[in-house]
PDB file of N, CA and C in Angstrom:
ATOM      1  N   MET A   1      25.721 -10.041 -43.181  1.00  0.00           N
ATOM      2  CA  MET A   1      24.927 -10.513 -42.074  1.00  0.00           C
ATOM      3  C   MET A   1      25.556 -10.085 -40.749  1.00  0.00           C
ATOM      4  N   ALA A   2      26.071  -8.875 -40.683  1.00  0.00           N
ATOM      5  CA  ALA A   2      26.729  -8.382 -39.490  1.00  0.00           C
ATOM      6  C   ALA A   2      25.724  -7.948 -38.430  1.00  0.00           C
ATOM      7  N   THR A   3      24.536  -7.459 -38.827  1.00  0.00           N
ATOM      8  CA  THR A   3      23.571  -6.975 -37.852  1.00  0.00           C
ATOM      9  C   THR A   3      22.595  -8.050 -37.403  1.00  0.00           C
ATOM     10  N   ASN A   4      22.543  -9.147 -38.100  1.00  0.00           N
ATOM     11  CA  ASN A   4      21.624 -10.224 -37.747  1.00  0.00           C
ATOM     12  C   ASN A   4      22.405 -11.433 -37.268  1.00  0.00           C
ATOM     13  N   GLN A   5      21.811 -12.165 -36.349  1.00  0.00           N
ATOM     14  CA  GLN A   5      22.458 -13.361 -35.826  1.00  0.00           C
ATOM     15  C   GLN A   5      21.471 -14.515 -35.914  1.00  0.00           C
ATOM     16  N   ARG A   6      21.935 -15.652 -36.349  1.00  0.00           N
ATOM     17  CA  ARG A   6      21.072 -16.829 -36.410  1.00  0.00           C
ATOM     18  C   ARG A   6      21.021 -17.480 -35.029  1.00  0.00           C
ATOM     19  N   ILE A   7      19.821 -17.584 -34.474  1.00  0.00           N
ATOM     20  CA  ILE A   7      19.656 -18.225 -33.175  1.00  0.00           C
ATOM     21  C   ILE A   7      19.195 -19.663 -33.393  1.00  0.00           C
ATOM     22  N   PHE A   8      18.113 -19.830 -34.102  1.00  0.00           N
ATOM     23  CA  PHE A   8      17.616 -21.143 -34.488  1.00  0.00           C
ATOM     24  C   PHE A   8      17.624 -21.189 -36.007  1.00  0.00           C
ATOM     25  N   SER A   9      17.470 -22.333 -36.533  1.00  0.00           N
ATOM     26  CA  SER A   9      17.481 -22.439 -37.989  1.00  0.00           C
ATOM     27  C   SER A   9      16.301 -21.663 -38.571  1.00  0.00           C
ATOM     28  N   GLY A  10      16.591 -20.673 -39.381  1.00  0.00           N
ATOM     29  CA  GLY A  10      15.565 -19.888 -40.047  1.00  0.00           C
ATOM     30  C   GLY A  10      15.085 -18.684 -39.267  1.00  0.00           C
ATOM     31  N   VAL A  11      15.452 -18.508 -37.998  1.00  0.00           N
ATOM     32  CA  VAL A  11      15.012 -17.379 -37.187  1.00  0.00           C
ATOM     33  C   VAL A  11      16.170 -16.401 -37.070  1.00  0.00           C
ATOM     34  N   GLN A  12      15.924 -15.150 -37.456  1.00  0.00           N
ATOM     35  CA  GLN A  12      16.961 -14.125 -37.374  1.00  0.00           C
ATOM     36  C   GLN A  12      16.468 -12.983 -36.494  1.00  0.00           C
ATOM     37  N   VAL A  13      17.338 -12.467 -35.661  1.00  0.00           N
ATOM     38  CA  VAL A  13      17.001 -11.371 -34.765  1.00  0.00           C
ATOM     39  C   VAL A  13      17.844 -10.173 -35.151  1.00  0.00           C
ATOM     40  N   SER A  14      17.204  -9.053 -35.359  1.00  0.00           N
ATOM     41  CA  SER A  14      17.916  -7.825 -35.677  1.00  0.00           C
ATOM     42  C   SER A  14      18.429  -7.221 -34.372  1.00  0.00           C
ATOM     43  N   ARG A  15      19.722  -7.123 -34.252  1.00  0.00           N
ATOM     44  CA  ARG A  15      20.309  -6.594 -33.009  1.00  0.00           C
ATOM     45  C   ARG A  15      19.944  -5.135 -32.795  1.00  0.00           C
ATOM     46  N   SER A  16      19.852  -4.366 -33.853  1.00  0.00           N
ATOM     47  CA  SER A  16      19.524  -2.949 -33.689  1.00  0.00           C
ATOM     48  C   SER A  16      18.095  -2.783 -33.181  1.00  0.00           C
ATOM     49  N   MET A  17      17.160  -3.574 -33.704  1.00  0.00           N
ATOM     50  CA  MET A  17      15.779  -3.489 -33.208  1.00  0.00           C
ATOM     51  C   MET A  17      15.679  -3.997 -31.776  1.00  0.00           C
ATOM     52  N   LEU A  18      16.422  -5.031 -31.453  1.00  0.00           N
ATOM     53  CA  LEU A  18      16.426  -5.568 -30.101  1.00  0.00           C
ATOM     54  C   LEU A  18      16.982  -4.538 -29.119  1.00  0.00           C
ATOM     55  N   ALA A  19      18.080  -3.906 -29.491  1.00  0.00           N
ATOM     56  CA  ALA A  19      18.678  -2.885 -28.625  1.00  0.00           C
ATOM     57  C   ALA A  19      17.748  -1.687 -28.480  1.00  0.00           C
ATOM     58  N   GLY A  20      17.131  -1.270 -29.573  1.00  0.00           N
ATOM     59  CA  GLY A  20      16.183  -0.149 -29.503  1.00  0.00           C
ATOM     60  C   GLY A  20      15.000  -0.465 -28.617  1.00  0.00           C
ATOM     61  N   GLY A  21      14.488  -1.684 -28.727  1.00  0.00           N
ATOM     62  CA  GLY A  21      13.373  -2.091 -27.872  1.00  0.00           C
ATOM     63  C   GLY A  21      13.748  -2.122 -26.406  1.00  0.00           C
ATOM     64  N   LEU A  22      14.967  -2.579 -26.127  1.00  0.00           N
ATOM     65  CA  LEU A  22      15.432  -2.594 -24.737  1.00  0.00           C
ATOM     66  C   LEU A  22      15.569  -1.183 -24.183  1.00  0.00           C
ATOM     67  N   VAL A  23      16.096  -0.274 -24.987  1.00  0.00           N
ATOM     68  CA  VAL A  23      16.255   1.114 -24.551  1.00  0.00           C
ATOM     69  C   VAL A  23      14.893   1.742 -24.278  1.00  0.00           C
ATOM     70  N   LEU A  24      13.946   1.547 -25.203  1.00  0.00           N
ATOM     71  CA  LEU A  24      12.612   2.120 -25.005  1.00  0.00           C
ATOM     72  C   LEU A  24      11.900   1.505 -23.801  1.00  0.00           C
ATOM     73  N   THR A  25      12.095   0.213 -23.591  1.00  0.00           N
ATOM     74  CA  THR A  25      11.504  -0.448 -22.426  1.00  0.00           C
ATOM     75  C   THR A  25      12.095   0.115 -21.133  1.00  0.00           C
ATOM     76  N   GLY A  26      13.398   0.344 -21.111  1.00  0.00           N
ATOM     77  CA  GLY A  26      14.038   0.938 -19.933  1.00  0.00           C
ATOM     78  C   GLY A  26      13.530   2.334 -19.656  1.00  0.00           C
ATOM     79  N   ILE A  27      13.412   3.143 -20.715  1.00  0.00           N
ATOM     80  CA  ILE A  27      12.901   4.514 -20.550  1.00  0.00           C
ATOM     81  C   ILE A  27      11.465   4.473 -20.050  1.00  0.00           C
ATOM     82  N   GLY A  28      10.657   3.583 -20.615  1.00  0.00           N
ATOM     83  CA  GLY A  28       9.268   3.462 -20.174  1.00  0.00           C
ATOM     84  C   GLY A  28       9.158   3.019 -18.718  1.00  0.00           C
ATOM     85  N   SER A  29      10.052   2.142 -18.301  1.00  0.00           N
ATOM     86  CA  SER A  29      10.040   1.683 -16.905  1.00  0.00           C
ATOM     87  C   SER A  29      10.378   2.820 -15.956  1.00  0.00           C
ATOM     88  N   VAL A  30      11.373   3.617 -16.324  1.00  0.00           N
ATOM     89  CA  VAL A  30      11.761   4.747 -15.481  1.00  0.00           C
ATOM     90  C   VAL A  30      10.623   5.765 -15.403  1.00  0.00           C
ATOM     91  N   LEU A  31       9.998   6.061 -16.539  1.00  0.00           N
ATOM     92  CA  LEU A  31       8.876   7.007 -16.533  1.00  0.00           C
ATOM     93  C   LEU A  31       7.698   6.463 -15.736  1.00  0.00           C
ATOM     94  N   GLY A  32       7.432   5.169 -15.850  1.00  0.00           N
ATOM     95  CA  GLY A  32       6.349   4.565 -15.080  1.00  0.00           C
ATOM     96  C   GLY A  32       6.604   4.627 -13.581  1.00  0.00           C
ATOM     97  N   ALA A  33       7.849   4.360 -13.174  1.00  0.00           N
ATOM     98  CA  ALA A  33       8.189   4.431 -11.753  1.00  0.00           C
ATOM     99  C   ALA A  33       8.080   5.870 -11.239  1.00  0.00           C
ATOM    100  N   ALA A  34       8.499   6.827 -12.067  1.00  0.00           N
ATOM    101  CA  ALA A  34       8.389   8.231 -11.664  1.00  0.00           C
ATOM    102  C   ALA A  34       6.926   8.640 -11.525  1.00  0.00           C
ATOM    103  N   GLY A  35       6.088   8.189 -12.444  1.00  0.00           N
ATOM    104  CA  GLY A  35       4.659   8.487 -12.356  1.00  0.00           C
ATOM    105  C   GLY A  35       4.025   7.872 -11.126  1.00  0.00           C
ATOM    106  N   ALA A  36       4.391   6.643 -10.813  1.00  0.00           N
ATOM    107  CA  ALA A  36       3.855   5.980  -9.619  1.00  0.00           C
ATOM    108  C   ALA A  36       4.286   6.715  -8.356  1.00  0.00           C
ATOM    109  N   ALA A  37       5.525   7.184  -8.328  1.00  0.00           N
ATOM    110  CA  ALA A  37       6.008   7.942  -7.167  1.00  0.00           C
ATOM    111  C   ALA A  37       5.233   9.249  -7.011  1.00  0.00           C
ATOM    112  N   MET A  38       4.928   9.904  -8.125  1.00  0.00           N
ATOM    113  CA  MET A  38       4.163  11.160  -8.056  1.00  0.00           C
ATOM    114  C   MET A  38       2.744  10.911  -7.561  1.00  0.00           C
ATOM    115  N   VAL A  39       2.129   9.832  -8.007  1.00  0.00           N
ATOM    116  CA  VAL A  39       0.774   9.504  -7.555  1.00  0.00           C
ATOM    117  C   VAL A  39       0.777   9.215  -6.055  1.00  0.00           C
ATOM    118  N   CYS A  40       1.755   8.451  -5.591  1.00  0.00           N
ATOM    119  CA  CYS A  40       1.852   8.144  -4.159  1.00  0.00           C
ATOM    120  C   CYS A  40       2.058   9.406  -3.338  1.00  0.00           C
ATOM    121  N   ALA A  41       2.906  10.305  -3.806  1.00  0.00           N
ATOM    122  CA  ALA A  41       3.144  11.555  -3.088  1.00  0.00           C
ATOM    123  C   ALA A  41       1.875  12.401  -3.027  1.00  0.00           C
ATOM    124  N   ALA A  42       1.140  12.454  -4.123  1.00  0.00           N
ATOM    125  CA  ALA A  42      -0.100  13.234  -4.140  1.00  0.00           C
ATOM    126  C   ALA A  42      -1.133  12.650  -3.180  1.00  0.00           C
ATOM    127  N   LEU A  43      -1.267  11.325  -3.172  1.00  0.00           N
ATOM    128  CA  LEU A  43      -2.226  10.683  -2.264  1.00  0.00           C
ATOM    129  C   LEU A  43      -1.820  10.853  -0.807  1.00  0.00           C
ATOM    130  N   LEU A  44      -0.529  10.768  -0.532  1.00  0.00           N
ATOM    131  CA  LEU A  44      -0.044  10.948   0.825  1.00  0.00           C
ATOM    132  C   LEU A  44      -0.315  12.373   1.317  1.00  0.00           C
ATOM    133  N   THR A  45      -0.061  13.348   0.474  1.00  0.00           N
ATOM    134  CA  THR A  45      -0.314  14.742   0.840  1.00  0.00           C
ATOM    135  C   THR A  45      -1.802  14.981   1.077  1.00  0.00           C
ATOM    136  N   ALA A  46      -2.638  14.438   0.210  1.00  0.00           N
ATOM    137  CA  ALA A  46      -4.087  14.594   0.384  1.00  0.00           C
ATOM    138  C   ALA A  46      -4.561  13.935   1.674  1.00  0.00           C
ATOM    139  N   GLY A  47      -4.024  12.766   1.989  1.00  0.00           N
ATOM    140  CA  GLY A  47      -4.398  12.089   3.231  1.00  0.00           C
ATOM    141  C   GLY A  47      -3.986  12.870   4.462  1.00  0.00           C
ATOM    142  N   ARG A  48      -2.774  13.414   4.436  1.00  0.00           N
ATOM    143  CA  ARG A  48      -2.325  14.223   5.569  1.00  0.00           C
ATOM    144  C   ARG A  48      -3.204  15.452   5.760  1.00  0.00           C
ATOM    145  N   ASN A  49      -3.541  16.115   4.663  1.00  0.00           N
ATOM    146  CA  ASN A  49      -4.395  17.304   4.757  1.00  0.00           C
ATOM    147  C   ASN A  49      -5.773  16.943   5.281  1.00  0.00           C
ATOM    148  N   TRP A  50      -6.297  15.792   4.874  1.00  0.00           N
ATOM    149  CA  TRP A  50      -7.611  15.372   5.345  1.00  0.00           C
ATOM    150  C   TRP A  50      -7.577  15.094   6.845  1.00  0.00           C
ATOM    151  N   VAL A  51      -6.534  14.412   7.328  1.00  0.00           N
ATOM    152  CA  VAL A  51      -6.424  14.113   8.758  1.00  0.00           C
ATOM    153  C   VAL A  51      -6.292  15.404   9.558  1.00  0.00           C
ATOM    154  N   ARG A  52      -5.527  16.354   9.041  1.00  0.00           N
ATOM    155  CA  ARG A  52      -5.369  17.636   9.754  1.00  0.00           C
ATOM    156  C   ARG A  52      -6.671  18.419   9.825  1.00  0.00           C
ATOM    157  N   SER A  53      -7.579  18.210   8.854  1.00  0.00           N
ATOM    158  CA  SER A  53      -8.828  18.960   8.833  1.00  0.00           C
ATOM    159  C   SER A  53      -9.895  18.359   9.741  1.00  0.00           C
ATOM    160  N   LEU A  54      -9.661  17.174  10.282  1.00  0.00           N
ATOM    161  CA  LEU A  54     -10.648  16.540  11.151  1.00  0.00           C
ATOM    162  C   LEU A  54     -10.762  17.310  12.472  1.00  0.00           C
ATOM    163  N   GLU A  55     -11.984  17.358  13.012  1.00  0.00           N
ATOM    164  CA  GLU A  55     -12.195  18.033  14.295  1.00  0.00           C
ATOM    165  C   GLU A  55     -11.538  17.259  15.434  1.00  0.00           C
ATOM    166  N   THR A  56     -11.688  15.940  15.411  1.00  0.00           N
ATOM    167  CA  THR A  56     -11.104  15.080  16.437  1.00  0.00           C
ATOM    168  C   THR A  56      -9.994  14.256  15.789  1.00  0.00           C
ATOM    169  N   PRO A  57      -8.782  14.322  16.334  1.00  0.00           N
ATOM    170  CA  PRO A  57      -7.693  13.541  15.746  1.00  0.00           C
ATOM    171  C   PRO A  57      -7.952  12.037  15.848  1.00  0.00           C
ATOM    172  N   PRO A  58      -7.432  11.273  14.898  1.00  0.00           N
ATOM    173  CA  PRO A  58      -7.645   9.817  14.939  1.00  0.00           C
ATOM    174  C   PRO A  58      -7.132   9.170  16.218  1.00  0.00           C
ATOM    175  N   THR A  59      -6.073   9.707  16.816  1.00  0.00           N
ATOM    176  CA  THR A  59      -5.568   9.119  18.058  1.00  0.00           C
ATOM    177  C   THR A  59      -6.588   9.278  19.185  1.00  0.00           C
ATOM    178  N   ALA A  60      -7.264  10.412  19.224  1.00  0.00           N
ATOM    179  CA  ALA A  60      -8.284  10.619  20.252  1.00  0.00           C
ATOM    180  C   ALA A  60      -9.462   9.676  20.037  1.00  0.00           C
ATOM    181  N   LEU A  61      -9.840   9.473  18.783  1.00  0.00           N
ATOM    182  CA  LEU A  61     -10.930   8.527  18.490  1.00  0.00           C
ATOM    183  C   LEU A  61     -10.547   7.111  18.906  1.00  0.00           C
ATOM    184  N   ALA A  62      -9.305   6.731  18.645  1.00  0.00           N
ATOM    185  CA  ALA A  62      -8.843   5.392  19.025  1.00  0.00           C
ATOM    186  C   ALA A  62      -8.804   5.242  20.540  1.00  0.00           C
ATOM    187  N   GLN A  63      -8.350   6.266  21.252  1.00  0.00           N
ATOM    188  CA  GLN A  63      -8.304   6.202  22.718  1.00  0.00           C
ATOM    189  C   GLN A  63      -9.705   6.091  23.296  1.00  0.00           C
ATOM    190  N   ARG A  64     -10.645   6.837  22.718  1.00  0.00           N
ATOM    191  CA  ARG A  64     -12.022   6.778  23.191  1.00  0.00           C
ATOM    192  C   ARG A  64     -12.608   5.384  22.953  1.00  0.00           C
ATOM    193  N   ALA A  65     -12.380   4.823  21.781  1.00  0.00           N
ATOM    194  CA  ALA A  65     -12.894   3.483  21.475  1.00  0.00           C
ATOM    195  C   ALA A  65     -12.282   2.440  22.397  1.00  0.00           C
ATOM    196  N   LEU A  66     -10.983   2.567  22.686  1.00  0.00           N
ATOM    197  CA  LEU A  66     -10.336   1.626  23.599  1.00  0.00           C
ATOM    198  C   LEU A  66     -10.927   1.741  25.003  1.00  0.00           C
ATOM    199  N   HIS A  67     -11.153   2.962  25.460  1.00  0.00           N
ATOM    200  CA  HIS A  67     -11.752   3.164  26.778  1.00  0.00           C
ATOM    201  C   HIS A  67     -13.151   2.549  26.840  1.00  0.00           C
ATOM    202  N   GLU A  68     -13.949   2.768  25.789  1.00  0.00           N
ATOM    203  CA  GLU A  68     -15.296   2.211  25.758  1.00  0.00           C
ATOM    204  C   GLU A  68     -15.258   0.677  25.744  1.00  0.00           C
ATOM    205  N   ALA A  69     -14.301   0.118  25.043  1.00  0.00           N
ATOM    206  CA  ALA A  69     -14.176  -1.341  25.014  1.00  0.00           C
ATOM    207  C   ALA A  69     -13.795  -1.884  26.381  1.00  0.00           C
ATOM    208  N   LYS A  70     -12.902  -1.181  27.089  1.00  0.00           N
ATOM    209  CA  LYS A  70     -12.515  -1.620  28.433  1.00  0.00           C
ATOM    210  C   LYS A  70     -13.692  -1.539  29.392  1.00  0.00           C
ATOM    211  N   VAL A  71     -14.467  -0.457  29.298  1.00  0.00           N
ATOM    212  CA  VAL A  71     -15.641  -0.302  30.165  1.00  0.00           C
ATOM    213  C   VAL A  71     -16.663  -1.398  29.866  1.00  0.00           C
ATOM    214  N   ALA A  72     -16.898  -1.683  28.596  1.00  0.00           N
ATOM    215  CA  ALA A  72     -17.857  -2.727  28.226  1.00  0.00           C
ATOM    216  C   ALA A  72     -17.364  -4.094  28.691  1.00  0.00           C
ATOM    217  N   SER A  73     -16.076  -4.334  28.586  1.00  0.00           N
ATOM    218  CA  SER A  73     -15.518  -5.606  29.035  1.00  0.00           C
ATOM    219  C   SER A  73     -15.676  -5.756  30.548  1.00  0.00           C
ATOM    220  N   ALA A  74     -15.392  -4.697  31.275  1.00  0.00           N
ATOM    221  CA  ALA A  74     -15.532  -4.751  32.732  1.00  0.00           C
ATOM    222  C   ALA A  74     -16.992  -4.968  33.123  1.00  0.00           C
ATOM    223  N   ALA A  75     -17.905  -4.303  32.430  1.00  0.00           N
ATOM    224  CA  ALA A  75     -19.329  -4.472  32.732  1.00  0.00           C
ATOM    225  C   ALA A  75     -19.773  -5.899  32.445  1.00  0.00           C
ATOM    226  N   GLY A  76     -19.310  -6.451  31.345  1.00  0.00           N
ATOM    227  CA  GLY A  76     -19.652  -7.833  31.026  1.00  0.00           C
ATOM    228  C   GLY A  76     -19.089  -8.799  32.049  1.00  0.00           C
ATOM    229  N   TRP A  77     -17.880  -8.549  32.484  1.00  0.00           N
ATOM    230  CA  TRP A  77     -17.242  -9.404  33.493  1.00  0.00           C
ATOM    231  C   TRP A  77     -18.011  -9.337  34.812  1.00  0.00           C
ATOM    232  N   GLU A  78     -18.387  -8.126  35.207  1.00  0.00           N
ATOM    233  CA  GLU A  78     -19.158  -7.967  36.449  1.00  0.00           C
ATOM    234  C   GLU A  78     -20.521  -8.651  36.340  1.00  0.00           C
ATOM    235  N   ALA A  79     -21.159  -8.542  35.190  1.00  0.00           N
ATOM    236  CA  ALA A  79     -22.458  -9.198  35.012  1.00  0.00           C
ATOM    237  C   ALA A  79     -22.295 -10.715  35.075  1.00  0.00           C
ATOM    238  N   TRP A  80     -21.248 -11.233  34.496  1.00  0.00           N
ATOM    239  CA  TRP A  80     -21.014 -12.671  34.527  1.00  0.00           C
ATOM    240  C   TRP A  80     -20.748 -13.131  35.960  1.00  0.00           C
ATOM    241  N   ARG A  81     -19.933 -12.356  36.708  1.00  0.00           N
ATOM    242  CA  ARG A  81     -19.643 -12.718  38.100  1.00  0.00           C
ATOM    243  C   ARG A  81     -20.895 -12.678  38.946  1.00  0.00           C
ATOM    244  N   ALA A  82     -21.758 -11.664  38.707  1.00  0.00           N
ATOM    245  CA  ALA A  82     -22.999 -11.571  39.475  1.00  0.00           C
ATOM    246  C   ALA A  82     -23.933 -12.734  39.163  1.00  0.00           C
ATOM    247  N   GLU A  83     -23.952 -13.166  37.928  1.00  0.00           N
ATOM    248  CA  GLU A  83     -24.839 -14.270  37.509  1.00  0.00           C
ATOM    249  C   GLU A  83     -24.351 -15.610  38.057  1.00  0.00           C
ATOM    250  N   HIS A  84     -23.055 -15.837  38.039  1.00  0.00           N
ATOM    251  CA  HIS A  84     -22.526 -17.124  38.428  1.00  0.00           C
ATOM    252  C   HIS A  84     -21.998 -17.159  39.857  1.00  0.00           C
ATOM    253  N   GLY A  85     -22.007 -16.049  40.529  1.00  0.00           N
ATOM    254  CA  GLY A  85     -21.599 -16.007  41.927  1.00  0.00           C
ATOM    255  C   GLY A  85     -20.128 -16.318  42.141  1.00  0.00           C
ATOM    256  N   SER A  86     -19.301 -15.986  41.206  1.00  0.00           N
ATOM    257  CA  SER A  86     -17.865 -16.258  41.327  1.00  0.00           C
ATOM    258  C   SER A  86     -17.221 -15.209  42.197  1.00  0.00           C
ATOM    259  N   PRO A  87     -16.369 -15.601  43.164  1.00  0.00           N
ATOM    260  CA  PRO A  87     -15.706 -14.623  44.024  1.00  0.00           C
ATOM    261  C   PRO A  87     -14.576 -13.884  43.328  1.00  0.00           C
ATOM    262  N   ASN A  88     -14.139 -14.352  42.158  1.00  0.00           N
ATOM    263  CA  ASN A  88     -13.024 -13.703  41.463  1.00  0.00           C
ATOM    264  C   ASN A  88     -13.544 -12.486  40.803  1.00  0.00           C
TER     265      ASN A  88
END
């Protein structure tokens, strides 16, 4: 009974099978992490290429949207001041 150990009464665990399972689980974890890293790298590269292919860069679109929001806010403020007669 050198390879088996009694943990509970009647339950025996094979150390060689336990060790083999741990080794295979470790190898599978490493392969899974490597696969996930490759998928992330592929998606990142595709995203960068897509952004580079755009006619207008995202920063320009964001600046334009911010400018339009400021203009709309100022127009709304002026309309409110005109309606309520506030000197501010």
